[in-house]
Amino acid sequence: MRADAARNREAVLAAADRLFEAATDPDRISMDDVAAAAGVGKGTLFRHFGDRSGLIRALYTARGEQLQATLTAGLPGDSPADRALHLLRELVRFKQANRVLTLALENAGDGSPYRTESYEHWHTTLTAVVSQARGPESADYLAHALLAAVRSDLVEHLRDWPDERWEAGLTALTRSVLATGP
């Protein structure tokens, strides 16, 4: 990538980051808004990101890289349930901290969070943990079910809940799913 193109890409991501951070409704941020905030032409956005969904995915990826690296390096905990619970807690915290952006991502395109790279990554990671606890037979499905408990639309719906209530529910669900062997 040329140096000016790389600078433009970074300027766009920084501008989009600021706009999504300040927004209460992700659908109100347009490509025109981002281009104006970044000081580039709208065509630059489309060349680098393809469309609005591509821009949102790139921004989400940039924000989530550290979380992904940290959690992929190794999940702490003595049992698979502890490791799964740690992963799910961190996903909730990330989604709470990045609520507008994660809602935009999960609502982008066809509206399915199941078709994103990050979902695939977390599903694969959690499937391995569930397999350790219960065997591989139902691990794929159970990983999907556990990840449904931390979907952005649910996190948003329950955003007024105190952390202790979230923690209690997530702990009860995770431990009940992973408590029994195959």
Protein backbone atom coordinates (compact mmCIF):
# COMPACT_ATOMS: atom_id res chain seq x y z
CA MET A 1 0.00 0.00 0.00
CA ARG A 2 1.31 3.43 -0.90
CA ALA A 3 2.19 5.72 2.01
CA ASP A 4 -0.57 8.22 1.19
CA ALA A 5 -3.12 5.43 0.86
CA ALA A 6 -2.05 4.01 4.23
CA ARG A 7 -2.37 7.48 5.82
CA ASN A 8 -5.83 7.90 4.31
CA ARG A 9 -6.90 4.49 5.59
CA GLU A 10 -5.70 5.34 9.10
CA ALA A 11 -7.40 8.75 8.95
CA VAL A 12 -10.67 7.11 7.93
CA LEU A 13 -10.45 4.52 10.71
CA ALA A 14 -9.64 7.21 13.28
CA ALA A 15 -12.54 9.39 12.10
CA ALA A 16 -14.95 6.45 12.06
CA ASP A 17 -13.75 5.46 15.52
CA ARG A 18 -14.52 8.95 16.87
CA LEU A 19 -17.93 9.07 15.19
CA PHE A 20 -19.02 5.63 16.41
CA GLU A 21 -17.70 6.34 19.89
CA ALA A 22 -19.83 9.49 20.12
CA ALA A 23 -22.94 8.02 18.49
CA THR A 24 -26.00 6.66 20.23
CA ASP A 25 -27.44 5.15 17.04
CA PRO A 26 -25.00 3.44 14.65
CA ASP A 27 -27.40 3.71 11.73
CA ARG A 28 -27.11 7.51 11.78
CA ILE A 29 -23.42 7.45 10.78
CA SER A 30 -23.09 7.58 7.02
CA MET A 31 -20.15 7.15 4.70
CA ASP A 32 -20.49 10.88 3.93
CA ASP A 33 -20.08 11.66 7.64
CA VAL A 34 -16.96 9.53 7.89
CA ALA A 35 -15.40 10.95 4.71
CA ALA A 36 -16.00 14.52 5.90
CA ALA A 37 -14.58 13.79 9.37
CA ALA A 38 -11.51 12.14 7.84
CA GLY A 39 -10.97 14.89 5.29
CA VAL A 40 -11.03 12.49 2.34
CA GLY A 41 -13.32 11.91 -0.59
CA LYS A 42 -16.10 9.35 -0.32
CA GLY A 43 -14.42 7.33 -3.07
CA THR A 44 -11.45 6.76 -0.76
CA LEU A 45 -13.72 4.99 1.70
CA PHE A 46 -15.14 2.73 -0.96
CA ARG A 47 -11.68 1.89 -2.36
CA HIS A 48 -10.37 0.90 1.05
CA PHE A 49 -13.42 -0.72 2.63
CA GLY A 50 -15.86 -1.58 -0.17
CA ASP A 51 -18.96 -0.37 1.64
CA ARG A 52 -20.22 0.76 5.04
CA SER A 53 -20.24 -2.80 6.35
CA GLY A 54 -16.60 -3.23 5.33
CA LEU A 55 -15.69 -0.04 7.18
CA ILE A 56 -17.53 -1.18 10.30
CA ARG A 57 -15.84 -4.61 10.13
CA ALA A 58 -12.40 -3.00 9.76
CA LEU A 59 -13.01 -0.71 12.73
CA TYR A 60 -14.37 -3.55 14.87
CA THR A 61 -11.39 -5.70 13.94
CA ALA A 62 -8.99 -2.93 14.91
CA ARG A 63 -10.69 -2.53 18.28
CA GLY A 64 -10.93 -6.24 18.89
CA GLU A 65 -7.41 -7.31 17.91
CA GLN A 66 -6.01 -6.92 21.42
CA LEU A 67 -8.91 -8.83 22.99
CA GLN A 68 -8.54 -11.59 20.43
CA ALA A 69 -4.78 -11.83 20.96
CA THR A 70 -5.13 -11.91 24.73
CA LEU A 71 -7.89 -14.51 24.84
CA THR A 72 -6.43 -16.69 22.10
CA ALA A 73 -3.07 -16.86 23.87
CA GLY A 74 -4.69 -18.84 26.64
CA LEU A 75 -7.83 -18.75 28.70
CA PRO A 76 -7.23 -18.75 32.45
CA GLY A 77 -9.05 -21.18 34.69
CA ASP A 78 -8.75 -24.65 36.14
CA SER A 79 -11.71 -26.13 34.32
CA PRO A 80 -13.32 -25.78 30.90
CA ALA A 81 -16.26 -24.02 32.59
CA ASP A 82 -13.87 -21.46 34.12
CA ARG A 83 -12.19 -20.89 30.74
CA ALA A 84 -15.52 -20.56 28.90
CA LEU A 85 -16.84 -18.21 31.55
CA HIS A 86 -13.73 -16.04 31.30
CA LEU A 87 -14.13 -15.78 27.51
CA LEU A 88 -17.84 -14.93 27.76
CA ARG A 89 -17.25 -12.32 30.49
CA GLU A 90 -14.60 -10.62 28.38
CA LEU A 91 -16.88 -10.60 25.35
CA VAL A 92 -19.64 -8.96 27.40
CA ARG A 93 -17.20 -6.34 28.70
CA PHE A 94 -15.91 -5.66 25.19
CA LYS A 95 -19.42 -5.33 23.81
CA GLN A 96 -20.47 -3.05 26.65
CA ALA A 97 -17.43 -0.85 26.04
CA ASN A 98 -18.03 -0.84 22.28
CA ARG A 99 -21.81 -1.06 22.28
CA VAL A 100 -22.63 1.18 19.32
CA LEU A 101 -19.98 -0.35 17.09
CA THR A 102 -20.88 -3.95 17.94
CA LEU A 103 -24.55 -3.24 17.31
CA ALA A 104 -23.64 -1.69 13.97
CA LEU A 105 -21.56 -4.72 13.04
CA GLU A 106 -24.17 -7.27 14.05
CA ASN A 107 -26.87 -5.28 12.23
CA ALA A 108 -24.78 -4.65 9.11
CA GLY A 109 -25.54 -6.36 5.85
CA ASP A 110 -27.88 -9.25 6.42
CA GLY A 111 -28.17 -8.49 10.12
CA SER A 112 -26.58 -11.74 11.22
CA PRO A 113 -23.75 -11.73 13.74
CA TYR A 114 -23.09 -15.36 12.78
CA ARG A 115 -21.44 -14.38 9.50
CA THR A 116 -18.63 -12.28 10.89
CA GLU A 117 -14.98 -13.28 11.21
CA SER A 118 -14.98 -12.49 14.90
CA TYR A 119 -17.97 -14.75 15.51
CA GLU A 120 -16.25 -17.60 13.71
CA HIS A 121 -13.13 -17.08 15.79
CA TRP A 122 -14.98 -17.04 19.12
CA HIS A 123 -17.15 -19.99 18.10
CA THR A 124 -14.11 -22.08 17.20
CA THR A 125 -12.37 -21.14 20.46
CA LEU A 126 -15.44 -21.89 22.58
CA THR A 127 -16.20 -25.14 20.73
CA ALA A 128 -12.75 -26.42 21.74
CA VAL A 129 -13.39 -25.52 25.38
CA VAL A 130 -16.85 -27.11 25.37
CA SER A 131 -15.38 -30.25 23.78
CA GLN A 132 -12.99 -30.57 26.71
CA ALA A 133 -15.90 -30.58 29.14
CA ARG A 134 -18.53 -32.56 27.26
CA GLY A 135 -16.86 -34.23 24.31
CA PRO A 136 -17.22 -33.20 20.68
CA GLU A 137 -20.74 -34.50 19.97
CA SER A 138 -22.72 -31.39 20.89
CA ALA A 139 -19.86 -28.92 21.38
CA ASP A 140 -20.55 -27.03 18.16
CA TYR A 141 -24.19 -26.37 19.07
CA LEU A 142 -23.47 -25.59 22.71
CA ALA A 143 -20.80 -23.06 21.70
CA HIS A 144 -23.39 -21.32 19.51
CA ALA A 145 -25.89 -21.35 22.39
CA LEU A 146 -23.38 -19.88 24.84
CA LEU A 147 -22.37 -17.16 22.38
CA ALA A 148 -26.05 -16.28 21.92
CA ALA A 149 -26.02 -15.28 25.60
CA VAL A 150 -23.55 -12.49 24.80
CA ARG A 151 -25.00 -11.20 21.52
CA SER A 152 -24.81 -7.45 21.21
CA ASP A 153 -28.56 -7.04 20.96
CA LEU A 154 -28.98 -8.88 24.27
CA VAL A 155 -26.14 -6.92 25.89
CA GLU A 156 -27.88 -3.75 24.68
CA HIS A 157 -31.29 -4.92 25.90
CA LEU A 158 -29.87 -5.61 29.37
CA ARG A 159 -27.50 -2.64 29.49
CA ASP A 160 -29.08 -1.23 32.65
CA TRP A 161 -28.44 -4.40 34.61
CA PRO A 162 -25.75 -4.16 37.28
CA ASP A 163 -22.58 -6.15 36.58
CA GLU A 164 -23.40 -8.53 39.45
CA ARG A 165 -26.67 -9.56 37.82
CA TRP A 166 -24.96 -10.18 34.47
CA GLU A 167 -22.23 -12.13 36.24
CA ALA A 168 -24.70 -14.32 38.14
CA GLY A 169 -26.70 -15.19 35.04
CA LEU A 170 -23.69 -15.84 32.84
CA THR A 171 -22.07 -17.97 35.54
CA ALA A 172 -25.22 -20.04 36.11
CA LEU A 173 -25.69 -20.63 32.38
CA THR A 174 -22.08 -21.51 31.64
CA ARG A 175 -21.69 -23.82 34.62
CA SER A 176 -24.99 -25.59 33.90
CA VAL A 177 -24.06 -26.17 30.25
CA LEU A 178 -20.55 -27.40 31.04
CA ALA A 179 -21.20 -29.25 34.30
CA THR A 180 -22.23 -32.56 32.77
CA GLY A 181 -20.04 -34.89 30.78
CA PRO A 182 -21.05 -36.33 27.40
